[in-house]
Amino acid sequence: MSSPFIEQIKARRTIYALGDQVSHTPEQLTALIQDAIKHSPSSFNSQSSRAVILFGAQHHTLWDIVKAELKKIVPPEAYAQSEAKVDGSFRAGFGTVLFFEDTDVIKDLQQKFALYADNFPIWSEHATGIAQFAVWTTLAQEKIGASLQHY
């Protein structure tokens, strides 16, 4: 037996050949992404996951920064391949979502619930994983390709 939700999970894939032809507006995508993050479960309902959503010039600038940083650490003979991957995949997309955790929320919970203080950073990592999965699956449901990168 399967469910529509399980089918959406199955449909979610890493798409490397991203493009910028998307029928949704940046405002529509932002609302979908914010909603997916807002309704993702987190320990103690901490809602510590945050996202910066970039489109257009800001999206391109981010990937230019990534390339500049990669150039500092990738051997010169291998850089052209890294640059081609960034340009042909990630920079070629419609936008970028940068996920991070609000450490002030985590610190506040550590103070309020000292017994569990050591666990809150771990639980925060769980929360961001859930939020990222929710966003990725939401985008797949909207027929928008995405890839999850760890730069």
N, C-alpha and C. Protein backbone atom coordinates (compact mmCIF):
# COMPACT_ATOMS: atom_id res chain seq x y z
N MET A 1 0.85 -1.18 0.00
CA MET A 1 0.00 0.00 0.00
C MET A 1 0.90 1.25 0.00
N SER A 2 0.47 2.26 -0.69
CA SER A 2 1.22 3.50 -0.76
C SER A 2 0.28 4.66 -0.48
N SER A 3 0.86 5.80 -0.25
CA SER A 3 0.05 6.99 0.00
C SER A 3 0.57 8.11 -0.90
N PRO A 4 -0.24 9.16 -1.09
CA PRO A 4 0.25 10.29 -1.89
C PRO A 4 1.54 10.90 -1.32
N PHE A 5 1.65 10.91 0.00
CA PHE A 5 2.86 11.46 0.61
C PHE A 5 4.07 10.61 0.27
N ILE A 6 3.93 9.29 0.38
CA ILE A 6 5.03 8.38 0.04
C ILE A 6 5.40 8.54 -1.43
N GLU A 7 4.43 8.75 -2.27
CA GLU A 7 4.70 8.95 -3.70
C GLU A 7 5.51 10.24 -3.91
N GLN A 8 5.22 11.28 -3.12
CA GLN A 8 5.99 12.52 -3.22
C GLN A 8 7.43 12.30 -2.75
N ILE A 9 7.60 11.50 -1.72
CA ILE A 9 8.95 11.19 -1.25
C ILE A 9 9.71 10.45 -2.34
N LYS A 10 9.05 9.50 -2.99
CA LYS A 10 9.69 8.75 -4.07
C LYS A 10 10.05 9.64 -5.25
N ALA A 11 9.26 10.66 -5.50
CA ALA A 11 9.49 11.56 -6.65
C ALA A 11 10.64 12.52 -6.41
N ARG A 12 10.95 12.78 -5.15
CA ARG A 12 12.00 13.73 -4.81
C ARG A 12 13.35 13.13 -5.19
N ARG A 13 14.10 13.86 -5.98
CA ARG A 13 15.41 13.42 -6.44
C ARG A 13 16.37 14.61 -6.46
N THR A 14 17.65 14.30 -6.42
CA THR A 14 18.65 15.33 -6.66
C THR A 14 18.69 15.59 -8.15
N ILE A 15 18.48 16.82 -8.53
CA ILE A 15 18.53 17.22 -9.92
C ILE A 15 19.77 18.09 -10.11
N TYR A 16 20.71 17.62 -10.91
CA TYR A 16 21.93 18.39 -11.13
C TYR A 16 21.80 19.35 -12.31
N ALA A 17 20.97 19.00 -13.27
CA ALA A 17 20.79 19.87 -14.43
C ALA A 17 19.67 20.86 -14.13
N LEU A 18 19.94 21.77 -13.21
CA LEU A 18 18.95 22.76 -12.82
C LEU A 18 18.83 23.82 -13.90
N GLY A 19 17.67 24.43 -13.97
CA GLY A 19 17.46 25.51 -14.91
C GLY A 19 16.69 26.63 -14.25
N ASP A 20 16.50 27.70 -14.99
CA ASP A 20 15.82 28.86 -14.41
C ASP A 20 14.43 29.08 -14.98
N GLN A 21 13.90 28.07 -15.65
CA GLN A 21 12.55 28.17 -16.21
C GLN A 21 11.55 27.58 -15.22
N VAL A 22 11.01 28.41 -14.38
CA VAL A 22 10.09 27.98 -13.33
C VAL A 22 8.81 28.79 -13.48
N SER A 23 7.66 28.10 -13.37
CA SER A 23 6.39 28.80 -13.56
C SER A 23 5.94 29.57 -12.32
N HIS A 24 6.55 29.29 -11.18
CA HIS A 24 6.22 29.99 -9.94
C HIS A 24 6.99 31.30 -9.84
N THR A 25 6.38 32.27 -9.20
CA THR A 25 7.08 33.53 -8.94
C THR A 25 7.99 33.36 -7.72
N PRO A 26 8.98 34.23 -7.57
CA PRO A 26 9.79 34.18 -6.34
C PRO A 26 8.92 34.30 -5.08
N GLU A 27 7.89 35.11 -5.14
CA GLU A 27 7.01 35.27 -3.97
C GLU A 27 6.27 33.97 -3.65
N GLN A 28 5.80 33.28 -4.68
CA GLN A 28 5.11 32.01 -4.46
C GLN A 28 6.06 30.97 -3.88
N LEU A 29 7.26 30.89 -4.43
CA LEU A 29 8.24 29.94 -3.93
C LEU A 29 8.64 30.25 -2.49
N THR A 30 8.84 31.52 -2.21
CA THR A 30 9.19 31.93 -0.85
C THR A 30 8.10 31.50 0.13
N ALA A 31 6.85 31.71 -0.23
CA ALA A 31 5.74 31.33 0.65
C ALA A 31 5.71 29.82 0.86
N LEU A 32 5.92 29.04 -0.19
CA LEU A 32 5.94 27.57 -0.05
C LEU A 32 7.07 27.12 0.86
N ILE A 33 8.25 27.69 0.66
CA ILE A 33 9.42 27.31 1.45
C ILE A 33 9.22 27.70 2.91
N GLN A 34 8.75 28.90 3.15
CA GLN A 34 8.51 29.35 4.53
C GLN A 34 7.46 28.47 5.21
N ASP A 35 6.43 28.11 4.49
CA ASP A 35 5.37 27.27 5.07
C ASP A 35 5.90 25.88 5.41
N ALA A 36 6.70 25.32 4.52
CA ALA A 36 7.26 23.98 4.78
C ALA A 36 8.15 24.01 6.02
N ILE A 37 8.96 25.05 6.16
CA ILE A 37 9.84 25.15 7.33
C ILE A 37 9.02 25.39 8.60
N LYS A 38 8.06 26.28 8.51
CA LYS A 38 7.24 26.63 9.69
C LYS A 38 6.52 25.41 10.26
N HIS A 39 6.08 24.51 9.40
CA HIS A 39 5.28 23.38 9.86
C HIS A 39 6.09 22.10 10.01
N SER A 40 7.41 22.22 9.95
CA SER A 40 8.27 21.06 10.21
C SER A 40 8.42 20.87 11.71
N PRO A 41 8.31 19.64 12.17
CA PRO A 41 8.42 19.41 13.61
C PRO A 41 9.83 19.64 14.13
N SER A 42 9.91 20.04 15.38
CA SER A 42 11.20 20.26 16.04
C SER A 42 11.02 19.96 17.53
N SER A 43 12.13 19.60 18.18
CA SER A 43 12.05 19.28 19.61
C SER A 43 11.63 20.52 20.40
N PHE A 44 10.78 20.29 21.37
CA PHE A 44 10.26 21.36 22.22
C PHE A 44 9.60 22.46 21.39
N ASN A 45 9.19 22.11 20.17
CA ASN A 45 8.61 23.07 19.22
C ASN A 45 9.52 24.30 19.11
N SER A 46 10.82 24.03 19.05
CA SER A 46 11.80 25.13 19.05
C SER A 46 11.76 25.97 17.79
N GLN A 47 11.41 25.34 16.67
CA GLN A 47 11.36 26.06 15.40
C GLN A 47 12.64 26.87 15.18
N SER A 48 13.78 26.21 15.34
CA SER A 48 15.08 26.86 15.23
C SER A 48 15.61 26.94 13.80
N SER A 49 14.96 26.26 12.87
CA SER A 49 15.43 26.27 11.48
C SER A 49 15.10 27.59 10.80
N ARG A 50 16.07 28.08 10.06
CA ARG A 50 15.92 29.33 9.32
C ARG A 50 16.40 29.12 7.90
N ALA A 51 15.98 30.00 7.01
CA ALA A 51 16.44 29.92 5.62
C ALA A 51 16.58 31.32 5.04
N VAL A 52 17.60 31.46 4.23
CA VAL A 52 17.77 32.65 3.41
C VAL A 52 17.45 32.19 1.99
N ILE A 53 16.53 32.87 1.34
CA ILE A 53 16.08 32.48 0.00
C ILE A 53 16.55 33.54 -0.99
N LEU A 54 17.30 33.09 -1.97
CA LEU A 54 17.92 34.01 -2.93
C LEU A 54 17.42 33.74 -4.35
N PHE A 55 17.13 34.81 -5.07
CA PHE A 55 16.75 34.72 -6.47
C PHE A 55 17.56 35.75 -7.26
N GLY A 56 17.58 35.59 -8.57
CA GLY A 56 18.19 36.58 -9.46
C GLY A 56 19.64 36.86 -9.14
N ALA A 57 20.00 38.14 -9.10
CA ALA A 57 21.39 38.55 -8.90
C ALA A 57 21.96 38.04 -7.58
N GLN A 58 21.13 38.01 -6.52
CA GLN A 58 21.63 37.52 -5.23
C GLN A 58 21.99 36.03 -5.31
N HIS A 59 21.17 35.26 -6.01
CA HIS A 59 21.44 33.84 -6.24
C HIS A 59 22.76 33.68 -6.98
N HIS A 60 22.95 34.45 -8.06
CA HIS A 60 24.18 34.34 -8.85
C HIS A 60 25.41 34.78 -8.04
N THR A 61 25.26 35.83 -7.26
CA THR A 61 26.37 36.31 -6.45
C THR A 61 26.81 35.25 -5.45
N LEU A 62 25.87 34.58 -4.83
CA LEU A 62 26.22 33.52 -3.88
C LEU A 62 27.11 32.48 -4.55
N TRP A 63 26.72 32.02 -5.73
CA TRP A 63 27.49 30.96 -6.39
C TRP A 63 28.82 31.49 -6.91
N ASP A 64 28.91 32.78 -7.20
CA ASP A 64 30.21 33.37 -7.54
C ASP A 64 31.12 33.35 -6.32
N ILE A 65 30.56 33.60 -5.15
CA ILE A 65 31.33 33.53 -3.90
C ILE A 65 31.80 32.10 -3.67
N VAL A 66 30.91 31.13 -3.88
CA VAL A 66 31.28 29.71 -3.71
C VAL A 66 32.45 29.38 -4.63
N LYS A 67 32.38 29.81 -5.89
CA LYS A 67 33.47 29.52 -6.82
C LYS A 67 34.78 30.16 -6.35
N ALA A 68 34.72 31.39 -5.87
CA ALA A 68 35.92 32.06 -5.39
C ALA A 68 36.53 31.31 -4.20
N GLU A 69 35.68 30.82 -3.31
CA GLU A 69 36.17 30.06 -2.15
C GLU A 69 36.72 28.70 -2.58
N LEU A 70 36.06 28.05 -3.54
CA LEU A 70 36.56 26.77 -4.04
C LEU A 70 37.93 26.94 -4.69
N LYS A 71 38.11 28.04 -5.38
CA LYS A 71 39.38 28.30 -6.07
C LYS A 71 40.54 28.33 -5.07
N LYS A 72 40.24 28.72 -3.84
CA LYS A 72 41.27 28.80 -2.80
C LYS A 72 41.71 27.41 -2.31
N ILE A 73 40.81 26.41 -2.44
CA ILE A 73 41.12 25.10 -1.84
C ILE A 73 41.22 23.95 -2.84
N VAL A 74 40.67 24.13 -4.03
CA VAL A 74 40.72 23.07 -5.04
C VAL A 74 42.03 23.19 -5.81
N PRO A 75 42.72 22.08 -6.02
CA PRO A 75 43.97 22.15 -6.80
C PRO A 75 43.71 22.79 -8.17
N PRO A 76 44.63 23.61 -8.65
CA PRO A 76 44.42 24.33 -9.92
C PRO A 76 44.03 23.43 -11.09
N GLU A 77 44.60 22.25 -11.16
CA GLU A 77 44.28 21.34 -12.27
C GLU A 77 42.86 20.78 -12.18
N ALA A 78 42.23 20.87 -11.02
CA ALA A 78 40.88 20.35 -10.85
C ALA A 78 39.83 21.45 -10.78
N TYR A 79 40.27 22.71 -10.71
CA TYR A 79 39.31 23.80 -10.52
C TYR A 79 38.33 23.95 -11.67
N ALA A 80 38.78 23.81 -12.90
CA ALA A 80 37.89 23.99 -14.06
C ALA A 80 36.68 23.06 -13.97
N GLN A 81 36.89 21.85 -13.50
CA GLN A 81 35.79 20.89 -13.35
C GLN A 81 34.83 21.35 -12.25
N SER A 82 35.36 21.86 -11.14
CA SER A 82 34.51 22.36 -10.06
C SER A 82 33.71 23.57 -10.53
N GLU A 83 34.36 24.47 -11.23
CA GLU A 83 33.69 25.67 -11.73
C GLU A 83 32.58 25.29 -12.70
N ALA A 84 32.84 24.33 -13.57
CA ALA A 84 31.83 23.90 -14.54
C ALA A 84 30.62 23.28 -13.84
N LYS A 85 30.87 22.54 -12.77
CA LYS A 85 29.78 21.94 -12.02
C LYS A 85 28.91 23.01 -11.36
N VAL A 86 29.56 23.99 -10.74
CA VAL A 86 28.81 25.07 -10.09
C VAL A 86 28.02 25.86 -11.13
N ASP A 87 28.67 26.25 -12.23
CA ASP A 87 27.99 27.05 -13.26
C ASP A 87 26.89 26.28 -13.96
N GLY A 88 27.15 25.03 -14.29
CA GLY A 88 26.19 24.24 -15.06
C GLY A 88 25.06 23.66 -14.25
N SER A 89 25.23 23.63 -12.96
CA SER A 89 24.19 23.04 -12.11
C SER A 89 23.58 24.09 -11.18
N PHE A 90 24.29 24.45 -10.14
CA PHE A 90 23.72 25.24 -9.06
C PHE A 90 23.46 26.70 -9.44
N ARG A 91 24.42 27.34 -10.06
CA ARG A 91 24.25 28.75 -10.46
C ARG A 91 23.21 28.87 -11.56
N ALA A 92 23.02 27.80 -12.35
CA ALA A 92 22.06 27.81 -13.46
C ALA A 92 20.62 27.70 -12.98
N GLY A 93 20.42 27.41 -11.70
CA GLY A 93 19.08 27.27 -11.16
C GLY A 93 18.35 28.60 -11.00
N PHE A 94 17.11 28.51 -10.60
CA PHE A 94 16.25 29.68 -10.43
C PHE A 94 16.53 30.41 -9.13
N GLY A 95 16.98 29.67 -8.14
CA GLY A 95 17.21 30.27 -6.84
C GLY A 95 17.98 29.35 -5.93
N THR A 96 18.26 29.83 -4.74
CA THR A 96 19.00 29.07 -3.73
C THR A 96 18.34 29.27 -2.38
N VAL A 97 18.28 28.19 -1.61
CA VAL A 97 17.80 28.25 -0.24
C VAL A 97 18.98 27.86 0.65
N LEU A 98 19.39 28.77 1.52
CA LEU A 98 20.46 28.51 2.47
C LEU A 98 19.83 28.22 3.83
N PHE A 99 20.07 27.04 4.35
CA PHE A 99 19.51 26.65 5.64
C PHE A 99 20.53 26.89 6.75
N PHE A 100 20.05 27.31 7.89
CA PHE A 100 20.90 27.42 9.07
C PHE A 100 20.02 27.31 10.31
N GLU A 101 20.66 27.16 11.44
CA GLU A 101 19.95 27.05 12.70
C GLU A 101 20.19 28.31 13.52
N ASP A 102 19.13 28.79 14.15
CA ASP A 102 19.19 29.98 15.00
C ASP A 102 19.76 29.57 16.35
N THR A 103 21.04 29.86 16.56
CA THR A 103 21.71 29.43 17.79
C THR A 103 21.17 30.14 19.03
N ASP A 104 20.58 31.32 18.86
CA ASP A 104 19.97 31.99 20.02
C ASP A 104 18.81 31.18 20.57
N VAL A 105 18.04 30.57 19.68
CA VAL A 105 16.93 29.71 20.12
C VAL A 105 17.48 28.52 20.90
N ILE A 106 18.53 27.93 20.40
CA ILE A 106 19.14 26.77 21.05
C ILE A 106 19.69 27.15 22.42
N LYS A 107 20.41 28.26 22.49
CA LYS A 107 20.97 28.72 23.77
C LYS A 107 19.87 29.02 24.78
N ASP A 108 18.79 29.61 24.33
CA ASP A 108 17.67 29.92 25.21
C ASP A 108 17.07 28.63 25.79
N LEU A 109 16.89 27.63 24.95
CA LEU A 109 16.35 26.35 25.43
C LEU A 109 17.33 25.67 26.38
N GLN A 110 18.62 25.80 26.11
CA GLN A 110 19.62 25.21 27.01
C GLN A 110 19.55 25.85 28.40
N GLN A 111 19.25 27.14 28.46
CA GLN A 111 19.13 27.81 29.75
C GLN A 111 17.82 27.44 30.45
N LYS A 112 16.75 27.38 29.69
CA LYS A 112 15.44 27.08 30.28
C LYS A 112 15.32 25.63 30.72
N PHE A 113 15.98 24.74 30.00
CA PHE A 113 15.87 23.30 30.28
C PHE A 113 17.28 22.72 30.41
N ALA A 114 17.97 23.13 31.46
CA ALA A 114 19.38 22.78 31.66
C ALA A 114 19.61 21.26 31.67
N LEU A 115 18.65 20.51 32.14
CA LEU A 115 18.79 19.05 32.18
C LEU A 115 19.05 18.48 30.79
N TYR A 116 18.53 19.12 29.76
CA TYR A 116 18.65 18.63 28.39
C TYR A 116 19.64 19.46 27.55
N ALA A 117 20.41 20.32 28.19
CA ALA A 117 21.25 21.29 27.48
C ALA A 117 22.14 20.65 26.42
N ASP A 118 22.75 19.52 26.73
CA ASP A 118 23.65 18.88 25.77
C ASP A 118 22.92 18.35 24.54
N ASN A 119 21.62 18.13 24.67
CA ASN A 119 20.86 17.55 23.57
C ASN A 119 20.35 18.57 22.56
N PHE A 120 20.19 19.82 22.96
CA PHE A 120 19.57 20.80 22.06
C PHE A 120 20.34 21.02 20.75
N PRO A 121 21.67 21.06 20.75
CA PRO A 121 22.36 21.17 19.46
C PRO A 121 22.09 19.96 18.55
N ILE A 122 22.03 18.78 19.14
CA ILE A 122 21.74 17.57 18.37
C ILE A 122 20.33 17.63 17.83
N TRP A 123 19.39 18.00 18.68
CA TRP A 123 18.00 18.08 18.24
C TRP A 123 17.81 19.17 17.18
N SER A 124 18.62 20.21 17.26
CA SER A 124 18.58 21.26 16.25
C SER A 124 19.00 20.71 14.89
N GLU A 125 20.01 19.86 14.88
CA GLU A 125 20.43 19.21 13.62
C GLU A 125 19.30 18.34 13.07
N HIS A 126 18.60 17.65 13.95
CA HIS A 126 17.45 16.86 13.50
C HIS A 126 16.40 17.78 12.86
N ALA A 127 16.15 18.91 13.51
CA ALA A 127 15.13 19.84 13.02
C ALA A 127 15.49 20.39 11.64
N THR A 128 16.75 20.72 11.43
CA THR A 128 17.12 21.25 10.12
C THR A 128 17.01 20.18 9.05
N GLY A 129 17.33 18.94 9.39
CA GLY A 129 17.17 17.85 8.43
C GLY A 129 15.71 17.67 8.03
N ILE A 130 14.83 17.75 9.00
CA ILE A 130 13.41 17.62 8.72
C ILE A 130 12.93 18.79 7.86
N ALA A 131 13.36 19.99 8.20
CA ALA A 131 12.96 21.18 7.42
C ALA A 131 13.47 21.09 5.99
N GLN A 132 14.71 20.67 5.82
CA GLN A 132 15.27 20.56 4.47
C GLN A 132 14.51 19.50 3.66
N PHE A 133 14.22 18.39 4.29
CA PHE A 133 13.45 17.33 3.62
C PHE A 133 12.07 17.85 3.24
N ALA A 134 11.43 18.59 4.13
CA ALA A 134 10.09 19.12 3.85
C ALA A 134 10.12 20.09 2.67
N VAL A 135 11.12 20.96 2.63
CA VAL A 135 11.24 21.91 1.51
C VAL A 135 11.51 21.16 0.22
N TRP A 136 12.43 20.24 0.25
CA TRP A 136 12.80 19.48 -0.94
C TRP A 136 11.60 18.72 -1.50
N THR A 137 10.84 18.08 -0.63
CA THR A 137 9.66 17.32 -1.06
C THR A 137 8.57 18.26 -1.55
N THR A 138 8.41 19.42 -0.92
CA THR A 138 7.44 20.41 -1.38
C THR A 138 7.78 20.87 -2.79
N LEU A 139 9.06 21.16 -3.03
CA LEU A 139 9.48 21.57 -4.38
C LEU A 139 9.24 20.47 -5.40
N ALA A 140 9.51 19.23 -5.02
CA ALA A 140 9.27 18.10 -5.93
C ALA A 140 7.79 17.99 -6.27
N GLN A 141 6.93 18.21 -5.27
CA GLN A 141 5.49 18.16 -5.51
C GLN A 141 5.07 19.24 -6.51
N GLU A 142 5.77 20.36 -6.49
CA GLU A 142 5.46 21.46 -7.41
C GLU A 142 6.18 21.29 -8.76
N LYS A 143 6.82 20.13 -8.94
CA LYS A 143 7.57 19.82 -10.18
C LYS A 143 8.75 20.75 -10.38
N ILE A 144 9.39 21.12 -9.28
CA ILE A 144 10.57 21.98 -9.32
C ILE A 144 11.76 21.13 -8.86
N GLY A 145 12.73 20.99 -9.74
CA GLY A 145 13.91 20.22 -9.42
C GLY A 145 14.76 20.94 -8.38
N ALA A 146 15.45 20.18 -7.57
CA ALA A 146 16.30 20.74 -6.54
C ALA A 146 17.43 19.77 -6.24
N SER A 147 18.47 20.31 -5.65
CA SER A 147 19.55 19.46 -5.15
C SER A 147 19.97 20.01 -3.80
N LEU A 148 20.36 19.12 -2.93
CA LEU A 148 20.79 19.51 -1.59
C LEU A 148 22.31 19.44 -1.59
N GLN A 149 22.96 20.58 -1.40
CA GLN A 149 24.42 20.64 -1.43
C GLN A 149 24.94 21.09 -0.08
N HIS A 150 26.11 20.63 0.25
CA HIS A 150 26.73 20.96 1.54
C HIS A 150 28.05 21.68 1.28
N TYR A 151 27.96 22.95 0.96
CA TYR A 151 29.17 23.76 0.72
C TYR A 151 29.47 24.57 1.95
